[in-house]
Amino acid sequence: MKPEEININHREVRKHLNEKLDTEFQQFLIMWDIDEMSKRMCMSKSFLEREFLHDPRMRLLERRKEKGKRYWFYEQSLEVMKEIMDGW
């Protein structure tokens, strides 16, 4: 390798940037829906429903108007999801 050449691991750069973006995004995220939850947690909606959203702790955090879209407070629901996973 010549002194002026620089090898860049694009995969690592992309991973680092995504982590930084996620961190910044989380600072502004107040609530999330099942679509965002599925995307961020890398889990299917059916798995989320079955393993997390029917849990009484998550139901307490759920917000929705009558027959409307469901939302959960981000920080609180993330903590509950960690608790649920710790019990697996």
PDB file of N, CA and C in Angstrom:
ATOM      1  N   MET A   1       0.847  -1.184   0.000  1.00  0.00           N
ATOM      2  CA  MET A   1       0.000   0.000   0.000  1.00  0.00           C
ATOM      3  C   MET A   1       0.888   1.242   0.000  1.00  0.00           C
ATOM      4  N   LYS A   2       0.576   2.152  -0.870  1.00  0.00           N
ATOM      5  CA  LYS A   2       1.326   3.399  -0.955  1.00  0.00           C
ATOM      6  C   LYS A   2       0.930   4.315   0.205  1.00  0.00           C
ATOM      7  N   PRO A   3       1.842   5.193   0.638  1.00  0.00           N
ATOM      8  CA  PRO A   3       1.542   6.084   1.770  1.00  0.00           C
ATOM      9  C   PRO A   3       0.299   6.946   1.560  1.00  0.00           C
ATOM     10  N   GLU A   4       0.001   7.336   0.329  1.00  0.00           N
ATOM     11  CA  GLU A   4      -1.141   8.210   0.097  1.00  0.00           C
ATOM     12  C   GLU A   4      -2.456   7.438  -0.038  1.00  0.00           C
ATOM     13  N   GLU A   5      -2.404   6.105  -0.068  1.00  0.00           N
ATOM     14  CA  GLU A   5      -3.620   5.297  -0.171  1.00  0.00           C
ATOM     15  C   GLU A   5      -4.231   5.068   1.209  1.00  0.00           C
ATOM     16  N   ILE A   6      -5.533   5.115   1.242  1.00  0.00           N
ATOM     17  CA  ILE A   6      -6.256   4.849   2.489  1.00  0.00           C
ATOM     18  C   ILE A   6      -7.315   3.801   2.188  1.00  0.00           C
ATOM     19  N   ASN A   7      -7.298   2.737   2.955  1.00  0.00           N
ATOM     20  CA  ASN A   7      -8.334   1.706   2.820  1.00  0.00           C
ATOM     21  C   ASN A   7      -9.496   2.081   3.724  1.00  0.00           C
ATOM     22  N   ILE A   8     -10.675   2.102   3.171  1.00  0.00           N
ATOM     23  CA  ILE A   8     -11.872   2.444   3.923  1.00  0.00           C
ATOM     24  C   ILE A   8     -12.779   1.224   3.958  1.00  0.00           C
ATOM     25  N   ASN A   9     -13.165   0.843   5.141  1.00  0.00           N
ATOM     26  CA  ASN A   9     -14.120  -0.244   5.308  1.00  0.00           C
ATOM     27  C   ASN A   9     -15.512   0.390   5.274  1.00  0.00           C
ATOM     28  N   HIS A  10     -16.124   0.348   4.122  1.00  0.00           N
ATOM     29  CA  HIS A  10     -17.407   1.022   3.933  1.00  0.00           C
ATOM     30  C   HIS A  10     -18.499   0.435   4.833  1.00  0.00           C
ATOM     31  N   ARG A  11     -18.427  -0.840   5.081  1.00  0.00           N
ATOM     32  CA  ARG A  11     -19.417  -1.481   5.955  1.00  0.00           C
ATOM     33  C   ARG A  11     -19.326  -0.907   7.365  1.00  0.00           C
ATOM     34  N   GLU A  12     -18.107  -0.750   7.874  1.00  0.00           N
ATOM     35  CA  GLU A  12     -17.919  -0.196   9.220  1.00  0.00           C
ATOM     36  C   GLU A  12     -18.322   1.274   9.284  1.00  0.00           C
ATOM     37  N   VAL A  13     -18.012   2.013   8.246  1.00  0.00           N
ATOM     38  CA  VAL A  13     -18.399   3.431   8.198  1.00  0.00           C
ATOM     39  C   VAL A  13     -19.916   3.545   8.200  1.00  0.00           C
ATOM     40  N   ARG A  14     -20.585   2.735   7.386  1.00  0.00           N
ATOM     41  CA  ARG A  14     -22.050   2.754   7.309  1.00  0.00           C
ATOM     42  C   ARG A  14     -22.651   2.372   8.659  1.00  0.00           C
ATOM     43  N   LYS A  15     -22.086   1.338   9.307  1.00  0.00           N
ATOM     44  CA  LYS A  15     -22.578   0.900  10.607  1.00  0.00           C
ATOM     45  C   LYS A  15     -22.440   2.014  11.641  1.00  0.00           C
ATOM     46  N   HIS A  16     -21.289   2.667  11.651  1.00  0.00           N
ATOM     47  CA  HIS A  16     -21.050   3.758  12.598  1.00  0.00           C
ATOM     48  C   HIS A  16     -22.028   4.911  12.356  1.00  0.00           C
ATOM     49  N   LEU A  17     -22.219   5.283  11.108  1.00  0.00           N
ATOM     50  CA  LEU A  17     -23.150   6.375  10.791  1.00  0.00           C
ATOM     51  C   LEU A  17     -24.576   6.022  11.190  1.00  0.00           C
ATOM     52  N   ASN A  18     -24.981   4.783  10.927  1.00  0.00           N
ATOM     53  CA  ASN A  18     -26.333   4.366  11.316  1.00  0.00           C
ATOM     54  C   ASN A  18     -26.514   4.405  12.825  1.00  0.00           C
ATOM     55  N   GLU A  19     -25.491   3.992  13.568  1.00  0.00           N
ATOM     56  CA  GLU A  19     -25.567   4.046  15.029  1.00  0.00           C
ATOM     57  C   GLU A  19     -25.689   5.485  15.516  1.00  0.00           C
ATOM     58  N   LYS A  20     -24.917   6.372  14.930  1.00  0.00           N
ATOM     59  CA  LYS A  20     -24.991   7.786  15.314  1.00  0.00           C
ATOM     60  C   LYS A  20     -26.357   8.380  14.983  1.00  0.00           C
ATOM     61  N   LEU A  21     -26.883   8.051  13.808  1.00  0.00           N
ATOM     62  CA  LEU A  21     -28.207   8.536  13.414  1.00  0.00           C
ATOM     63  C   LEU A  21     -29.284   8.002  14.344  1.00  0.00           C
ATOM     64  N   ASP A  22     -29.184   6.731  14.705  1.00  0.00           N
ATOM     65  CA  ASP A  22     -30.149   6.151  15.635  1.00  0.00           C
ATOM     66  C   ASP A  22     -30.110   6.861  16.976  1.00  0.00           C
ATOM     67  N   THR A  23     -28.915   7.150  17.453  1.00  0.00           N
ATOM     68  CA  THR A  23     -28.759   7.849  18.730  1.00  0.00           C
ATOM     69  C   THR A  23     -29.412   9.230  18.658  1.00  0.00           C
ATOM     70  N   GLU A  24     -29.142   9.948  17.580  1.00  0.00           N
ATOM     71  CA  GLU A  24     -29.740  11.277  17.413  1.00  0.00           C
ATOM     72  C   GLU A  24     -31.253  11.184  17.273  1.00  0.00           C
ATOM     73  N   PHE A  25     -31.711  10.207  16.519  1.00  0.00           N
ATOM     74  CA  PHE A  25     -33.139  10.021  16.301  1.00  0.00           C
ATOM     75  C   PHE A  25     -33.854   9.731  17.615  1.00  0.00           C
ATOM     76  N   GLN A  26     -33.246   8.903  18.454  1.00  0.00           N
ATOM     77  CA  GLN A  26     -33.857   8.527  19.719  1.00  0.00           C
ATOM     78  C   GLN A  26     -34.032   9.722  20.644  1.00  0.00           C
ATOM     79  N   GLN A  27     -33.182  10.717  20.530  1.00  0.00           N
ATOM     80  CA  GLN A  27     -33.306  11.899  21.375  1.00  0.00           C
ATOM     81  C   GLN A  27     -34.566  12.683  21.060  1.00  0.00           C
ATOM     82  N   PHE A  28     -35.078  12.534  19.836  1.00  0.00           N
ATOM     83  CA  PHE A  28     -36.255  13.285  19.424  1.00  0.00           C
ATOM     84  C   PHE A  28     -37.513  12.429  19.366  1.00  0.00           C
ATOM     85  N   LEU A  29     -37.355  11.120  19.472  1.00  0.00           N
ATOM     86  CA  LEU A  29     -38.482  10.218  19.374  1.00  0.00           C
ATOM     87  C   LEU A  29     -39.224  10.168  20.702  1.00  0.00           C
ATOM     88  N   ILE A  30     -40.479  10.548  20.683  1.00  0.00           N
ATOM     89  CA  ILE A  30     -41.305  10.535  21.884  1.00  0.00           C
ATOM     90  C   ILE A  30     -42.201   9.304  21.887  1.00  0.00           C
ATOM     91  N   MET A  31     -42.818   9.046  20.752  1.00  0.00           N
ATOM     92  CA  MET A  31     -43.710   7.906  20.630  1.00  0.00           C
ATOM     93  C   MET A  31     -43.366   7.134  19.366  1.00  0.00           C
ATOM     94  N   TRP A  32     -43.787   5.868  19.327  1.00  0.00           N
ATOM     95  CA  TRP A  32     -43.626   5.078  18.119  1.00  0.00           C
ATOM     96  C   TRP A  32     -44.824   4.173  17.945  1.00  0.00           C
ATOM     97  N   ASP A  33     -45.050   3.787  16.690  1.00  0.00           N
ATOM     98  CA  ASP A  33     -46.142   2.880  16.378  1.00  0.00           C
ATOM     99  C   ASP A  33     -45.558   1.511  16.067  1.00  0.00           C
ATOM    100  N   ILE A  34     -46.399   0.558  15.741  1.00  0.00           N
ATOM    101  CA  ILE A  34     -45.917  -0.795  15.514  1.00  0.00           C
ATOM    102  C   ILE A  34     -45.015  -0.883  14.279  1.00  0.00           C
ATOM    103  N   ASP A  35     -45.246  -0.030  13.286  1.00  0.00           N
ATOM    104  CA  ASP A  35     -44.393  -0.040  12.097  1.00  0.00           C
ATOM    105  C   ASP A  35     -42.961   0.388  12.448  1.00  0.00           C
ATOM    106  N   GLU A  36     -42.845   1.469  13.190  1.00  0.00           N
ATOM    107  CA  GLU A  36     -41.527   1.953  13.602  1.00  0.00           C
ATOM    108  C   GLU A  36     -40.873   0.972  14.571  1.00  0.00           C
ATOM    109  N   MET A  37     -41.668   0.417  15.451  1.00  0.00           N
ATOM    110  CA  MET A  37     -41.166  -0.566  16.406  1.00  0.00           C
ATOM    111  C   MET A  37     -40.602  -1.782  15.659  1.00  0.00           C
ATOM    112  N   SER A  38     -41.330  -2.244  14.669  1.00  0.00           N
ATOM    113  CA  SER A  38     -40.897  -3.390  13.875  1.00  0.00           C
ATOM    114  C   SER A  38     -39.582  -3.102  13.165  1.00  0.00           C
ATOM    115  N   LYS A  39     -39.498  -1.919  12.601  1.00  0.00           N
ATOM    116  CA  LYS A  39     -38.286  -1.530  11.879  1.00  0.00           C
ATOM    117  C   LYS A  39     -37.090  -1.409  12.818  1.00  0.00           C
ATOM    118  N   ARG A  40     -37.268  -0.727  13.925  1.00  0.00           N
ATOM    119  CA  ARG A  40     -36.161  -0.472  14.852  1.00  0.00           C
ATOM    120  C   ARG A  40     -35.724  -1.722  15.619  1.00  0.00           C
ATOM    121  N   MET A  41     -36.672  -2.604  15.910  1.00  0.00           N
ATOM    122  CA  MET A  41     -36.360  -3.797  16.683  1.00  0.00           C
ATOM    123  C   MET A  41     -35.990  -4.986  15.787  1.00  0.00           C
ATOM    124  N   CYS A  42     -36.133  -4.823  14.466  1.00  0.00           N
ATOM    125  CA  CYS A  42     -35.852  -5.922  13.519  1.00  0.00           C
ATOM    126  C   CYS A  42     -36.696  -7.147  13.843  1.00  0.00           C
ATOM    127  N   MET A  43     -37.965  -6.912  14.124  1.00  0.00           N
ATOM    128  CA  MET A  43     -38.897  -7.990  14.453  1.00  0.00           C
ATOM    129  C   MET A  43     -40.168  -7.782  13.646  1.00  0.00           C
ATOM    130  N   SER A  44     -40.821  -8.883  13.311  1.00  0.00           N
ATOM    131  CA  SER A  44     -42.073  -8.772  12.557  1.00  0.00           C
ATOM    132  C   SER A  44     -43.179  -8.220  13.454  1.00  0.00           C
ATOM    133  N   LYS A  45     -44.190  -7.653  12.827  1.00  0.00           N
ATOM    134  CA  LYS A  45     -45.320  -7.117  13.589  1.00  0.00           C
ATOM    135  C   LYS A  45     -46.029  -8.225  14.351  1.00  0.00           C
ATOM    136  N   SER A  46     -46.172  -9.401  13.722  1.00  0.00           N
ATOM    137  CA  SER A  46     -46.857 -10.507  14.405  1.00  0.00           C
ATOM    138  C   SER A  46     -46.068 -10.965  15.631  1.00  0.00           C
ATOM    139  N   PHE A  47     -44.737 -10.981  15.527  1.00  0.00           N
ATOM    140  CA  PHE A  47     -43.906 -11.352  16.678  1.00  0.00           C
ATOM    141  C   PHE A  47     -44.046 -10.311  17.785  1.00  0.00           C
ATOM    142  N   LEU A  48     -44.033  -9.038  17.416  1.00  0.00           N
ATOM    143  CA  LEU A  48     -44.205  -7.978  18.415  1.00  0.00           C
ATOM    144  C   LEU A  48     -45.551  -8.118  19.118  1.00  0.00           C
ATOM    145  N   GLU A  49     -46.596  -8.349  18.332  1.00  0.00           N
ATOM    146  CA  GLU A  49     -47.932  -8.514  18.916  1.00  0.00           C
ATOM    147  C   GLU A  49     -47.938  -9.665  19.915  1.00  0.00           C
ATOM    148  N   ARG A  50     -47.416 -10.802  19.493  1.00  0.00           N
ATOM    149  CA  ARG A  50     -47.457 -12.023  20.284  1.00  0.00           C
ATOM    150  C   ARG A  50     -46.574 -11.944  21.532  1.00  0.00           C
ATOM    151  N   GLU A  51     -45.361 -11.427  21.384  1.00  0.00           N
ATOM    152  CA  GLU A  51     -44.385 -11.479  22.466  1.00  0.00           C
ATOM    153  C   GLU A  51     -44.343 -10.239  23.362  1.00  0.00           C
ATOM    154  N   PHE A  52     -44.794  -9.107  22.846  1.00  0.00           N
ATOM    155  CA  PHE A  52     -44.658  -7.865  23.606  1.00  0.00           C
ATOM    156  C   PHE A  52     -45.979  -7.125  23.838  1.00  0.00           C
ATOM    157  N   LEU A  53     -46.719  -6.894  22.788  1.00  0.00           N
ATOM    158  CA  LEU A  53     -47.832  -5.955  22.870  1.00  0.00           C
ATOM    159  C   LEU A  53     -49.036  -6.476  23.640  1.00  0.00           C
ATOM    160  N   HIS A  54     -49.115  -7.776  23.852  1.00  0.00           N
ATOM    161  CA  HIS A  54     -50.194  -8.321  24.673  1.00  0.00           C
ATOM    162  C   HIS A  54     -49.814  -8.387  26.152  1.00  0.00           C
ATOM    163  N   ASP A  55     -48.583  -8.054  26.449  1.00  0.00           N
ATOM    164  CA  ASP A  55     -48.122  -8.027  27.837  1.00  0.00           C
ATOM    165  C   ASP A  55     -48.835  -6.869  28.564  1.00  0.00           C
ATOM    166  N   PRO A  56     -49.326  -7.116  29.776  1.00  0.00           N
ATOM    167  CA  PRO A  56     -50.051  -6.063  30.512  1.00  0.00           C
ATOM    168  C   PRO A  56     -49.238  -4.778  30.709  1.00  0.00           C
ATOM    169  N   ARG A  57     -47.924  -4.906  30.858  1.00  0.00           N
ATOM    170  CA  ARG A  57     -47.086  -3.710  31.031  1.00  0.00           C
ATOM    171  C   ARG A  57     -47.096  -2.842  29.779  1.00  0.00           C
ATOM    172  N   MET A  58     -47.085  -3.482  28.620  1.00  0.00           N
ATOM    173  CA  MET A  58     -47.124  -2.721  27.359  1.00  0.00           C
ATOM    174  C   MET A  58     -48.514  -2.144  27.120  1.00  0.00           C
ATOM    175  N   ARG A  59     -49.536  -2.892  27.507  1.00  0.00           N
ATOM    176  CA  ARG A  59     -50.909  -2.387  27.330  1.00  0.00           C
ATOM    177  C   ARG A  59     -51.140  -1.112  28.135  1.00  0.00           C
ATOM    178  N   LEU A  60     -50.485  -1.013  29.289  1.00  0.00           N
ATOM    179  CA  LEU A  60     -50.613   0.211  30.087  1.00  0.00           C
ATOM    180  C   LEU A  60     -50.023   1.417  29.372  1.00  0.00           C
ATOM    181  N   LEU A  61     -49.037   1.190  28.541  1.00  0.00           N
ATOM    182  CA  LEU A  61     -48.364   2.293  27.842  1.00  0.00           C
ATOM    183  C   LEU A  61     -49.040   2.661  26.520  1.00  0.00           C
ATOM    184  N   GLU A  62     -49.914   1.797  26.051  1.00  0.00           N
ATOM    185  CA  GLU A  62     -50.555   2.011  24.746  1.00  0.00           C
ATOM    186  C   GLU A  62     -51.508   3.198  24.782  1.00  0.00           C
ATOM    187  N   ARG A  63     -51.418   4.019  23.749  1.00  0.00           N
ATOM    188  CA  ARG A  63     -52.304   5.179  23.600  1.00  0.00           C
ATOM    189  C   ARG A  63     -52.984   5.091  22.240  1.00  0.00           C
ATOM    190  N   ARG A  64     -54.282   5.331  22.237  1.00  0.00           N
ATOM    191  CA  ARG A  64     -55.013   5.364  20.974  1.00  0.00           C
ATOM    192  C   ARG A  64     -56.391   5.950  21.198  1.00  0.00           C
ATOM    193  N   LYS A  65     -56.908   6.551  20.156  1.00  0.00           N
ATOM    194  CA  LYS A  65     -58.296   6.964  20.176  1.00  0.00           C
ATOM    195  C   LYS A  65     -59.116   5.732  19.831  1.00  0.00           C
ATOM    196  N   GLU A  66     -60.398   5.802  20.071  1.00  0.00           N
ATOM    197  CA  GLU A  66     -61.257   4.651  19.808  1.00  0.00           C
ATOM    198  C   GLU A  66     -61.059   4.136  18.386  1.00  0.00           C
ATOM    199  N   LYS A  67     -60.636   2.897  18.277  1.00  0.00           N
ATOM    200  CA  LYS A  67     -60.379   2.217  16.999  1.00  0.00           C
ATOM    201  C   LYS A  67     -59.361   2.948  16.131  1.00  0.00           C
ATOM    202  N   GLY A  68     -58.499   3.725  16.755  1.00  0.00           N
ATOM    203  CA  GLY A  68     -57.469   4.463  16.019  1.00  0.00           C
ATOM    204  C   GLY A  68     -56.134   3.750  16.056  1.00  0.00           C
ATOM    205  N   LYS A  69     -55.161   4.387  15.471  1.00  0.00           N
ATOM    206  CA  LYS A  69     -53.808   3.858  15.437  1.00  0.00           C
ATOM    207  C   LYS A  69     -53.234   3.826  16.846  1.00  0.00           C
ATOM    208  N   ARG A  70     -52.487   2.783  17.147  1.00  0.00           N
ATOM    209  CA  ARG A  70     -51.896   2.624  18.480  1.00  0.00           C
ATOM    210  C   ARG A  70     -50.494   3.226  18.508  1.00  0.00           C
ATOM    211  N   TYR A  71     -50.168   3.855  19.628  1.00  0.00           N
ATOM    212  CA  TYR A  71     -48.843   4.431  19.863  1.00  0.00           C
ATOM    213  C   TYR A  71     -48.382   4.035  21.251  1.00  0.00           C
ATOM    214  N   TRP A  72     -47.049   4.020  21.434  1.00  0.00           N
ATOM    215  CA  TRP A  72     -46.444   3.749  22.733  1.00  0.00           C
ATOM    216  C   TRP A  72     -45.374   4.793  22.980  1.00  0.00           C
ATOM    217  N   PHE A  73     -45.231   5.216  24.241  1.00  0.00           N
ATOM    218  CA  PHE A  73     -44.153   6.121  24.587  1.00  0.00           C
ATOM    219  C   PHE A  73     -42.842   5.375  24.401  1.00  0.00           C
ATOM    220  N   TYR A  74     -41.943   5.958  23.675  1.00  0.00           N
ATOM    221  CA  TYR A  74     -40.729   5.272  23.242  1.00  0.00           C
ATOM    222  C   TYR A  74     -39.876   4.776  24.402  1.00  0.00           C
ATOM    223  N   GLU A  75     -39.416   5.680  25.239  1.00  0.00           N
ATOM    224  CA  GLU A  75     -38.482   5.318  26.318  1.00  0.00           C
ATOM    225  C   GLU A  75     -39.099   4.273  27.249  1.00  0.00           C
ATOM    226  N   GLN A  76     -40.328   4.514  27.671  1.00  0.00           N
ATOM    227  CA  GLN A  76     -40.981   3.607  28.614  1.00  0.00           C
ATOM    228  C   GLN A  76     -41.199   2.233  27.995  1.00  0.00           C
ATOM    229  N   SER A  77     -41.675   2.189  26.764  1.00  0.00           N
ATOM    230  CA  SER A  77     -41.950   0.895  26.131  1.00  0.00           C
ATOM    231  C   SER A  77     -40.655   0.142  25.855  1.00  0.00           C
ATOM    232  N   LEU A  78     -39.592   0.846  25.516  1.00  0.00           N
ATOM    233  CA  LEU A  78     -38.312   0.195  25.282  1.00  0.00           C
ATOM    234  C   LEU A  78     -37.814  -0.481  26.564  1.00  0.00           C
ATOM    235  N   GLU A  79     -37.988   0.182  27.695  1.00  0.00           N
ATOM    236  CA  GLU A  79     -37.590  -0.401  28.969  1.00  0.00           C
ATOM    237  C   GLU A  79     -38.417  -1.650  29.285  1.00  0.00           C
ATOM    238  N   VAL A  80     -39.727  -1.584  29.040  1.00  0.00           N
ATOM    239  CA  VAL A  80     -40.583  -2.747  29.274  1.00  0.00           C
ATOM    240  C   VAL A  80     -40.185  -3.889  28.356  1.00  0.00           C
ATOM    241  N   MET A  81     -39.864  -3.576  27.102  1.00  0.00           N
ATOM    242  CA  MET A  81     -39.461  -4.621  26.167  1.00  0.00           C
ATOM    243  C   MET A  81     -38.166  -5.299  26.624  1.00  0.00           C
ATOM    244  N   LYS A  82     -37.252  -4.518  27.191  1.00  0.00           N
ATOM    245  CA  LYS A  82     -36.018  -5.098  27.737  1.00  0.00           C
ATOM    246  C   LYS A  82     -36.335  -6.029  28.899  1.00  0.00           C
ATOM    247  N   GLU A  83     -37.262  -5.608  29.769  1.00  0.00           N
ATOM    248  CA  GLU A  83     -37.671  -6.448  30.892  1.00  0.00           C
ATOM    249  C   GLU A  83     -38.262  -7.758  30.397  1.00  0.00           C
ATOM    250  N   ILE A  84     -39.108  -7.680  29.384  1.00  0.00           N
ATOM    251  CA  ILE A  84     -39.725  -8.881  28.824  1.00  0.00           C
ATOM    252  C   ILE A  84     -38.658  -9.805  28.253  1.00  0.00           C
ATOM    253  N   MET A  85     -37.716  -9.248  27.517  1.00  0.00           N
ATOM    254  CA  MET A  85     -36.650 -10.059  26.925  1.00  0.00           C
ATOM    255  C   MET A  85     -35.755 -10.675  27.990  1.00  0.00           C
ATOM    256  N   ASP A  86     -35.540  -9.974  29.082  1.00  0.00           N
ATOM    257  CA  ASP A  86     -34.715 -10.522  30.164  1.00  0.00           C
ATOM    258  C   ASP A  86     -35.369 -11.760  30.781  1.00  0.00           C
ATOM    259  N   GLY A  87     -36.694 -11.861  30.678  1.00  0.00           N
ATOM    260  CA  GLY A  87     -37.419 -12.999  31.224  1.00  0.00           C
ATOM    261  C   GLY A  87     -37.494 -14.192  30.289  1.00  0.00           C
ATOM    262  N   TRP A  88     -36.961 -14.091  29.104  1.00  0.00           N
ATOM    263  CA  TRP A  88     -37.027 -15.211  28.143  1.00  0.00           C
ATOM    264  C   TRP A  88     -36.107 -16.311  28.543  1.00  0.00           C
TER     265      TRP A  88
END
